[in-house]
Amino acid sequence: MNDQKPFFGRKEIGKQYTRRKGVYAIIFDEQRKMLAVMKTPRGYFLAGGGMEGEESLEECLQREALEELGHDILIKQYIGNAEK
């Protein structure tokens, strides 16, 4: 079994980074087809983002989905975590 976390993105040499927890949603419709991704000039991204203040993971995900997609979401399952 591989206990390493998946890692996404690339660190730029010489750039300072601040560690910050974030959450992202994989959203499916009733037929289990992927429904929501964000399309930007840099590519496709999952809805979500960094936590603010003392909010919980669930509160953060609800807020980010509403901000980015304009919809409330029902959180059904935690999938896992990764480093970015």
PDB file of N, CA and C in Angstrom:
ATOM      1  N   MET A   1       0.846  -1.192   0.000  1.00  0.00           N
ATOM      2  CA  MET A   1       0.000   0.000   0.000  1.00  0.00           C
ATOM      3  C   MET A   1       0.883   1.245   0.000  1.00  0.00           C
ATOM      4  N   ASN A   2       0.531   2.223  -0.792  1.00  0.00           N
ATOM      5  CA  ASN A   2       1.281   3.470  -0.886  1.00  0.00           C
ATOM      6  C   ASN A   2       0.674   4.485   0.079  1.00  0.00           C
ATOM      7  N   ASP A   3       1.447   4.892   1.096  1.00  0.00           N
ATOM      8  CA  ASP A   3       0.947   5.832   2.099  1.00  0.00           C
ATOM      9  C   ASP A   3       1.246   7.284   1.758  1.00  0.00           C
ATOM     10  N   GLN A   4       1.874   7.553   0.619  1.00  0.00           N
ATOM     11  CA  GLN A   4       2.175   8.932   0.248  1.00  0.00           C
ATOM     12  C   GLN A   4       0.925   9.620  -0.279  1.00  0.00           C
ATOM     13  N   LYS A   5       0.803  10.915   0.054  1.00  0.00           N
ATOM     14  CA  LYS A   5      -0.307  11.713  -0.452  1.00  0.00           C
ATOM     15  C   LYS A   5      -0.038  12.076  -1.904  1.00  0.00           C
ATOM     16  N   PRO A   6      -1.095  12.125  -2.731  1.00  0.00           N
ATOM     17  CA  PRO A   6      -0.902  12.654  -4.086  1.00  0.00           C
ATOM     18  C   PRO A   6      -0.449  14.106  -3.998  1.00  0.00           C
ATOM     19  N   PHE A   7       0.306  14.557  -4.962  1.00  0.00           N
ATOM     20  CA  PHE A   7       0.816  15.927  -4.990  1.00  0.00           C
ATOM     21  C   PHE A   7       0.397  16.560  -6.305  1.00  0.00           C
ATOM     22  N   PHE A   8      -0.199  17.753  -6.237  1.00  0.00           N
ATOM     23  CA  PHE A   8      -0.682  18.450  -7.419  1.00  0.00           C
ATOM     24  C   PHE A   8       0.009  19.798  -7.541  1.00  0.00           C
ATOM     25  N   GLY A   9       0.292  20.212  -8.750  1.00  0.00           N
ATOM     26  CA  GLY A   9       0.915  21.510  -8.988  1.00  0.00           C
ATOM     27  C   GLY A   9       2.428  21.426  -8.960  1.00  0.00           C
ATOM     28  N   ARG A  10       3.056  22.557  -9.211  1.00  0.00           N
ATOM     29  CA  ARG A  10       4.518  22.649  -9.209  1.00  0.00           C
ATOM     30  C   ARG A  10       4.950  23.847  -8.385  1.00  0.00           C
ATOM     31  N   LYS A  11       5.989  23.651  -7.588  1.00  0.00           N
ATOM     32  CA  LYS A  11       6.558  24.773  -6.842  1.00  0.00           C
ATOM     33  C   LYS A  11       7.500  25.534  -7.753  1.00  0.00           C
ATOM     34  N   GLU A  12       7.383  26.854  -7.718  1.00  0.00           N
ATOM     35  CA  GLU A  12       8.292  27.696  -8.485  1.00  0.00           C
ATOM     36  C   GLU A  12       9.509  28.006  -7.622  1.00  0.00           C
ATOM     37  N   ILE A  13      10.681  27.812  -8.174  1.00  0.00           N
ATOM     38  CA  ILE A  13      11.924  28.057  -7.453  1.00  0.00           C
ATOM     39  C   ILE A  13      12.020  29.535  -7.088  1.00  0.00           C
ATOM     40  N   GLY A  14      12.393  29.806  -5.835  1.00  0.00           N
ATOM     41  CA  GLY A  14      12.572  31.173  -5.372  1.00  0.00           C
ATOM     42  C   GLY A  14      11.301  31.858  -4.902  1.00  0.00           C
ATOM     43  N   LYS A  15      10.163  31.199  -4.995  1.00  0.00           N
ATOM     44  CA  LYS A  15       8.896  31.798  -4.585  1.00  0.00           C
ATOM     45  C   LYS A  15       8.538  31.326  -3.180  1.00  0.00           C
ATOM     46  N   GLN A  16       8.076  32.256  -2.328  1.00  0.00           N
ATOM     47  CA  GLN A  16       7.675  31.927  -0.966  1.00  0.00           C
ATOM     48  C   GLN A  16       6.227  31.428  -0.971  1.00  0.00           C
ATOM     49  N   TYR A  17       5.959  30.359  -0.231  1.00  0.00           N
ATOM     50  CA  TYR A  17       4.618  29.792  -0.147  1.00  0.00           C
ATOM     51  C   TYR A  17       4.161  29.753   1.303  1.00  0.00           C
ATOM     52  N   THR A  18       2.871  29.957   1.508  1.00  0.00           N
ATOM     53  CA  THR A  18       2.254  29.836   2.819  1.00  0.00           C
ATOM     54  C   THR A  18       1.351  28.614   2.794  1.00  0.00           C
ATOM     55  N   ARG A  19       1.539  27.706   3.758  1.00  0.00           N
ATOM     56  CA  ARG A  19       0.683  26.520   3.832  1.00  0.00           C
ATOM     57  C   ARG A  19      -0.711  26.955   4.261  1.00  0.00           C
ATOM     58  N   ARG A  20      -1.711  26.468   3.553  1.00  0.00           N
ATOM     59  CA  ARG A  20      -3.091  26.834   3.844  1.00  0.00           C
ATOM     60  C   ARG A  20      -3.985  25.667   3.473  1.00  0.00           C
ATOM     61  N   LYS A  21      -4.845  25.268   4.393  1.00  0.00           N
ATOM     62  CA  LYS A  21      -5.779  24.186   4.098  1.00  0.00           C
ATOM     63  C   LYS A  21      -6.814  24.667   3.095  1.00  0.00           C
ATOM     64  N   GLY A  22      -7.223  23.770   2.239  1.00  0.00           N
ATOM     65  CA  GLY A  22      -8.269  24.064   1.275  1.00  0.00           C
ATOM     66  C   GLY A  22      -9.093  22.820   1.020  1.00  0.00           C
ATOM     67  N   VAL A  23     -10.222  22.997   0.380  1.00  0.00           N
ATOM     68  CA  VAL A  23     -11.114  21.886   0.055  1.00  0.00           C
ATOM     69  C   VAL A  23     -11.590  22.024  -1.382  1.00  0.00           C
ATOM     70  N   TYR A  24     -11.867  20.894  -1.997  1.00  0.00           N
ATOM     71  CA  TYR A  24     -12.320  20.873  -3.384  1.00  0.00           C
ATOM     72  C   TYR A  24     -13.396  19.818  -3.549  1.00  0.00           C
ATOM     73  N   ALA A  25     -14.332  20.065  -4.445  1.00  0.00           N
ATOM     74  CA  ALA A  25     -15.469  19.166  -4.638  1.00  0.00           C
ATOM     75  C   ALA A  25     -15.386  18.451  -5.978  1.00  0.00           C
ATOM     76  N   ILE A  26     -15.704  17.181  -5.948  1.00  0.00           N
ATOM     77  CA  ILE A  26     -15.953  16.421  -7.173  1.00  0.00           C
ATOM     78  C   ILE A  26     -17.462  16.247  -7.206  1.00  0.00           C
ATOM     79  N   ILE A  27     -18.111  16.894  -8.158  1.00  0.00           N
ATOM     80  CA  ILE A  27     -19.571  16.963  -8.170  1.00  0.00           C
ATOM     81  C   ILE A  27     -20.116  16.142  -9.328  1.00  0.00           C
ATOM     82  N   PHE A  28     -21.036  15.222  -8.997  1.00  0.00           N
ATOM     83  CA  PHE A  28     -21.668  14.366  -9.995  1.00  0.00           C
ATOM     84  C   PHE A  28     -23.158  14.649 -10.062  1.00  0.00           C
ATOM     85  N   ASP A  29     -23.751  14.354 -11.216  1.00  0.00           N
ATOM     86  CA  ASP A  29     -25.203  14.400 -11.323  1.00  0.00           C
ATOM     87  C   ASP A  29     -25.759  13.036 -10.895  1.00  0.00           C
ATOM     88  N   GLU A  30     -27.072  12.854 -11.022  1.00  0.00           N
ATOM     89  CA  GLU A  30     -27.700  11.613 -10.561  1.00  0.00           C
ATOM     90  C   GLU A  30     -27.243  10.386 -11.339  1.00  0.00           C
ATOM     91  N   GLN A  31     -26.756  10.552 -12.550  1.00  0.00           N
ATOM     92  CA  GLN A  31     -26.258   9.427 -13.342  1.00  0.00           C
ATOM     93  C   GLN A  31     -24.774   9.154 -13.090  1.00  0.00           C
ATOM     94  N   ARG A  32     -24.199   9.823 -12.103  1.00  0.00           N
ATOM     95  CA  ARG A  32     -22.789   9.667 -11.716  1.00  0.00           C
ATOM     96  C   ARG A  32     -21.824  10.130 -12.802  1.00  0.00           C
ATOM     97  N   LYS A  33     -22.215  11.129 -13.554  1.00  0.00           N
ATOM     98  CA  LYS A  33     -21.335  11.762 -14.534  1.00  0.00           C
ATOM     99  C   LYS A  33     -20.804  13.043 -13.899  1.00  0.00           C
ATOM    100  N   MET A  34     -19.549  13.386 -14.174  1.00  0.00           N
ATOM    101  CA  MET A  34     -19.009  14.614 -13.596  1.00  0.00           C
ATOM    102  C   MET A  34     -19.819  15.797 -14.099  1.00  0.00           C
ATOM    103  N   LEU A  35     -20.185  16.648 -13.206  1.00  0.00           N
ATOM    104  CA  LEU A  35     -21.087  17.742 -13.532  1.00  0.00           C
ATOM    105  C   LEU A  35     -20.417  19.109 -13.498  1.00  0.00           C
ATOM    106  N   ALA A  36     -19.565  19.343 -12.521  1.00  0.00           N
ATOM    107  CA  ALA A  36     -19.077  20.708 -12.333  1.00  0.00           C
ATOM    108  C   ALA A  36     -17.557  20.771 -12.245  1.00  0.00           C
ATOM    109  N   VAL A  37     -16.959  21.476 -13.193  1.00  0.00           N
ATOM    110  CA  VAL A  37     -15.550  21.858 -13.124  1.00  0.00           C
ATOM    111  C   VAL A  37     -15.470  23.316 -13.548  1.00  0.00           C
ATOM    112  N   MET A  38     -14.429  23.991 -13.116  1.00  0.00           N
ATOM    113  CA  MET A  38     -14.232  25.389 -13.479  1.00  0.00           C
ATOM    114  C   MET A  38     -13.282  25.448 -14.667  1.00  0.00           C
ATOM    115  N   LYS A  39     -13.685  26.117 -15.744  1.00  0.00           N
ATOM    116  CA  LYS A  39     -12.810  26.295 -16.899  1.00  0.00           C
ATOM    117  C   LYS A  39     -12.208  27.693 -16.828  1.00  0.00           C
ATOM    118  N   THR A  40     -10.878  27.757 -16.849  1.00  0.00           N
ATOM    119  CA  THR A  40     -10.166  29.030 -16.818  1.00  0.00           C
ATOM    120  C   THR A  40      -9.152  29.033 -17.958  1.00  0.00           C
ATOM    121  N   PRO A  41      -8.521  30.164 -18.234  1.00  0.00           N
ATOM    122  CA  PRO A  41      -7.481  30.177 -19.270  1.00  0.00           C
ATOM    123  C   PRO A  41      -6.323  29.218 -18.972  1.00  0.00           C
ATOM    124  N   ARG A  42      -6.120  28.863 -17.691  1.00  0.00           N
ATOM    125  CA  ARG A  42      -5.035  27.946 -17.326  1.00  0.00           C
ATOM    126  C   ARG A  42      -5.454  26.485 -17.341  1.00  0.00           C
ATOM    127  N   GLY A  43      -6.723  26.193 -17.581  1.00  0.00           N
ATOM    128  CA  GLY A  43      -7.172  24.803 -17.622  1.00  0.00           C
ATOM    129  C   GLY A  43      -8.457  24.597 -16.846  1.00  0.00           C
ATOM    130  N   TYR A  44      -8.725  23.347 -16.511  1.00  0.00           N
ATOM    131  CA  TYR A  44      -9.927  22.970 -15.774  1.00  0.00           C
ATOM    132  C   TYR A  44      -9.573  22.712 -14.315  1.00  0.00           C
ATOM    133  N   PHE A  45     -10.458  23.156 -13.413  1.00  0.00           N
ATOM    134  CA  PHE A  45     -10.207  23.017 -11.987  1.00  0.00           C
ATOM    135  C   PHE A  45     -11.476  22.585 -11.273  1.00  0.00           C
ATOM    136  N   LEU A  46     -11.308  21.901 -10.149  1.00  0.00           N
ATOM    137  CA  LEU A  46     -12.436  21.561  -9.293  1.00  0.00           C
ATOM    138  C   LEU A  46     -12.883  22.799  -8.533  1.00  0.00           C
ATOM    139  N   ALA A  47     -14.170  22.879  -8.232  1.00  0.00           N
ATOM    140  CA  ALA A  47     -14.681  23.962  -7.394  1.00  0.00           C
ATOM    141  C   ALA A  47     -14.106  23.805  -5.992  1.00  0.00           C
ATOM    142  N   GLY A  48     -13.702  24.905  -5.397  1.00  0.00           N
ATOM    143  CA  GLY A  48     -13.168  24.858  -4.040  1.00  0.00           C
ATOM    144  C   GLY A  48     -12.113  25.921  -3.839  1.00  0.00           C
ATOM    145  N   GLY A  49     -11.476  25.884  -2.677  1.00  0.00           N
ATOM    146  CA  GLY A  49     -10.439  26.856  -2.389  1.00  0.00           C
ATOM    147  C   GLY A  49     -10.030  26.823  -0.938  1.00  0.00           C
ATOM    148  N   GLY A  50      -9.352  27.881  -0.502  1.00  0.00           N
ATOM    149  CA  GLY A  50      -8.775  27.940   0.829  1.00  0.00           C
ATOM    150  C   GLY A  50      -9.766  28.300   1.914  1.00  0.00           C
ATOM    151  N   MET A  51      -9.489  27.773   3.095  1.00  0.00           N
ATOM    152  CA  MET A  51     -10.334  28.032   4.257  1.00  0.00           C
ATOM    153  C   MET A  51     -10.125  29.455   4.760  1.00  0.00           C
ATOM    154  N   GLU A  52     -11.189  30.035   5.298  1.00  0.00           N
ATOM    155  CA  GLU A  52     -11.149  31.382   5.857  1.00  0.00           C
ATOM    156  C   GLU A  52     -11.509  31.332   7.331  1.00  0.00           C
ATOM    157  N   GLY A  53     -10.722  32.023   8.137  1.00  0.00           N
ATOM    158  CA  GLY A  53     -11.023  32.117   9.566  1.00  0.00           C
ATOM    159  C   GLY A  53     -11.103  30.760  10.231  1.00  0.00           C
ATOM    160  N   GLU A  54     -12.146  30.574  11.013  1.00  0.00           N
ATOM    161  CA  GLU A  54     -12.333  29.343  11.793  1.00  0.00           C
ATOM    162  C   GLU A  54     -13.345  28.396  11.156  1.00  0.00           C
ATOM    163  N   GLU A  55     -13.638  28.560   9.863  1.00  0.00           N
ATOM    164  CA  GLU A  55     -14.654  27.693   9.267  1.00  0.00           C
ATOM    165  C   GLU A  55     -14.166  26.244   9.180  1.00  0.00           C
ATOM    166  N   SER A  56     -15.125  25.319   9.203  1.00  0.00           N
ATOM    167  CA  SER A  56     -14.811  23.896   9.084  1.00  0.00           C
ATOM    168  C   SER A  56     -14.579  23.555   7.610  1.00  0.00           C
ATOM    169  N   LEU A  57     -14.085  22.353   7.366  1.00  0.00           N
ATOM    170  CA  LEU A  57     -13.903  21.908   5.981  1.00  0.00           C
ATOM    171  C   LEU A  57     -15.222  21.955   5.220  1.00  0.00           C
ATOM    172  N   GLU A  58     -16.299  21.493   5.862  1.00  0.00           N
ATOM    173  CA  GLU A  58     -17.611  21.482   5.217  1.00  0.00           C
ATOM    174  C   GLU A  58     -18.113  22.893   4.938  1.00  0.00           C
ATOM    175  N   GLU A  59     -17.951  23.799   5.901  1.00  0.00           N
ATOM    176  CA  GLU A  59     -18.382  25.187   5.704  1.00  0.00           C
ATOM    177  C   GLU A  59     -17.609  25.833   4.562  1.00  0.00           C
ATOM    178  N   CYS A  60     -16.320  25.559   4.490  1.00  0.00           N
ATOM    179  CA  CYS A  60     -15.492  26.108   3.420  1.00  0.00           C
ATOM    180  C   CYS A  60     -15.972  25.602   2.064  1.00  0.00           C
ATOM    181  N   LEU A  61     -16.231  24.312   1.966  1.00  0.00           N
ATOM    182  CA  LEU A  61     -16.662  23.742   0.691  1.00  0.00           C
ATOM    183  C   LEU A  61     -18.025  24.290   0.272  1.00  0.00           C
ATOM    184  N   GLN A  62     -18.941  24.439   1.223  1.00  0.00           N
ATOM    185  CA  GLN A  62     -20.256  25.016   0.924  1.00  0.00           C
ATOM    186  C   GLN A  62     -20.099  26.449   0.400  1.00  0.00           C
ATOM    187  N   ARG A  63     -19.269  27.240   1.083  1.00  0.00           N
ATOM    188  CA  ARG A  63     -19.062  28.640   0.676  1.00  0.00           C
ATOM    189  C   ARG A  63     -18.433  28.723  -0.704  1.00  0.00           C
ATOM    190  N   GLU A  64     -17.377  27.948  -0.935  1.00  0.00           N
ATOM    191  CA  GLU A  64     -16.685  27.987  -2.224  1.00  0.00           C
ATOM    192  C   GLU A  64     -17.603  27.555  -3.364  1.00  0.00           C
ATOM    193  N   ALA A  65     -18.410  26.522  -3.152  1.00  0.00           N
ATOM    194  CA  ALA A  65     -19.333  26.067  -4.198  1.00  0.00           C
ATOM    195  C   ALA A  65     -20.348  27.158  -4.525  1.00  0.00           C
ATOM    196  N   LEU A  66     -20.863  27.815  -3.501  1.00  0.00           N
ATOM    197  CA  LEU A  66     -21.823  28.892  -3.731  1.00  0.00           C
ATOM    198  C   LEU A  66     -21.166  30.063  -4.461  1.00  0.00           C
ATOM    199  N   GLU A  67     -19.947  30.434  -4.065  1.00  0.00           N
ATOM    200  CA  GLU A  67     -19.233  31.538  -4.716  1.00  0.00           C
ATOM    201  C   GLU A  67     -18.892  31.219  -6.168  1.00  0.00           C
ATOM    202  N   GLU A  68     -18.391  30.022  -6.422  1.00  0.00           N
ATOM    203  CA  GLU A  68     -17.864  29.696  -7.749  1.00  0.00           C
ATOM    204  C   GLU A  68     -18.906  29.124  -8.703  1.00  0.00           C
ATOM    205  N   LEU A  69     -19.887  28.393  -8.166  1.00  0.00           N
ATOM    206  CA  LEU A  69     -20.872  27.734  -9.024  1.00  0.00           C
ATOM    207  C   LEU A  69     -22.260  28.349  -8.925  1.00  0.00           C
ATOM    208  N   GLY A  70     -22.492  29.116  -7.852  1.00  0.00           N
ATOM    209  CA  GLY A  70     -23.810  29.708  -7.657  1.00  0.00           C
ATOM    210  C   GLY A  70     -24.846  28.719  -7.170  1.00  0.00           C
ATOM    211  N   HIS A  71     -24.400  27.609  -6.568  1.00  0.00           N
ATOM    212  CA  HIS A  71     -25.322  26.575  -6.094  1.00  0.00           C
ATOM    213  C   HIS A  71     -24.907  26.077  -4.720  1.00  0.00           C
ATOM    214  N   ASP A  72     -25.911  25.704  -3.915  1.00  0.00           N
ATOM    215  CA  ASP A  72     -25.640  24.962  -2.691  1.00  0.00           C
ATOM    216  C   ASP A  72     -25.341  23.525  -3.082  1.00  0.00           C
ATOM    217  N   ILE A  73     -24.500  22.854  -2.299  1.00  0.00           N
ATOM    218  CA  ILE A  73     -24.189  21.456  -2.588  1.00  0.00           C
ATOM    219  C   ILE A  73     -24.470  20.604  -1.357  1.00  0.00           C
ATOM    220  N   LEU A  74     -24.710  19.321  -1.594  1.00  0.00           N
ATOM    221  CA  LEU A  74     -24.868  18.333  -0.535  1.00  0.00           C
ATOM    222  C   LEU A  74     -23.584  17.520  -0.490  1.00  0.00           C
ATOM    223  N   ILE A  75     -22.890  17.568   0.631  1.00  0.00           N
ATOM    224  CA  ILE A  75     -21.635  16.830   0.776  1.00  0.00           C
ATOM    225  C   ILE A  75     -21.972  15.425   1.243  1.00  0.00           C
ATOM    226  N   LYS A  76     -21.644  14.435   0.415  1.00  0.00           N
ATOM    227  CA  LYS A  76     -21.992  13.053   0.742  1.00  0.00           C
ATOM    228  C   LYS A  76     -20.824  12.238   1.260  1.00  0.00           C
ATOM    229  N   GLN A  77     -19.618  12.510   0.788  1.00  0.00           N
ATOM    230  CA  GLN A  77     -18.514  11.626   1.128  1.00  0.00           C
ATOM    231  C   GLN A  77     -17.184  12.364   1.097  1.00  0.00           C
ATOM    232  N   TYR A  78     -16.342  12.053   2.068  1.00  0.00           N
ATOM    233  CA  TYR A  78     -14.963  12.522   2.083  1.00  0.00           C
ATOM    234  C   TYR A  78     -14.140  11.505   1.304  1.00  0.00           C
ATOM    235  N   ILE A  79     -13.341  11.963   0.344  1.00  0.00           N
ATOM    236  CA  ILE A  79     -12.571  11.046  -0.494  1.00  0.00           C
ATOM    237  C   ILE A  79     -11.145  10.886   0.012  1.00  0.00           C
ATOM    238  N   GLY A  80     -10.480  11.974   0.361  1.00  0.00           N
ATOM    239  CA  GLY A  80      -9.100  11.870   0.807  1.00  0.00           C
ATOM    240  C   GLY A  80      -8.443  13.229   0.811  1.00  0.00           C
ATOM    241  N   ASN A  81      -7.102  13.238   0.946  1.00  0.00           N
ATOM    242  CA  ASN A  81      -6.394  14.512   0.943  1.00  0.00           C
ATOM    243  C   ASN A  81      -5.136  14.414   0.105  1.00  0.00           C
ATOM    244  N   ALA A  82      -4.629  15.573  -0.253  1.00  0.00           N
ATOM    245  CA  ALA A  82      -3.448  15.651  -1.118  1.00  0.00           C
ATOM    246  C   ALA A  82      -2.667  16.902  -0.766  1.00  0.00           C
ATOM    247  N   GLU A  83      -1.446  16.969  -1.218  1.00  0.00           N
ATOM    248  CA  GLU A  83      -0.620  18.167  -1.087  1.00  0.00           C
ATOM    249  C   GLU A  83      -0.703  18.933  -2.393  1.00  0.00           C
ATOM    250  N   LYS A  84      -0.683  20.264  -2.299  1.00  0.00           N
ATOM    251  CA  LYS A  84      -0.698  21.086  -3.508  1.00  0.00           C
ATOM    252  C   LYS A  84       0.533  21.939  -3.510  1.00  0.00           C
TER     253      LYS A  84
END
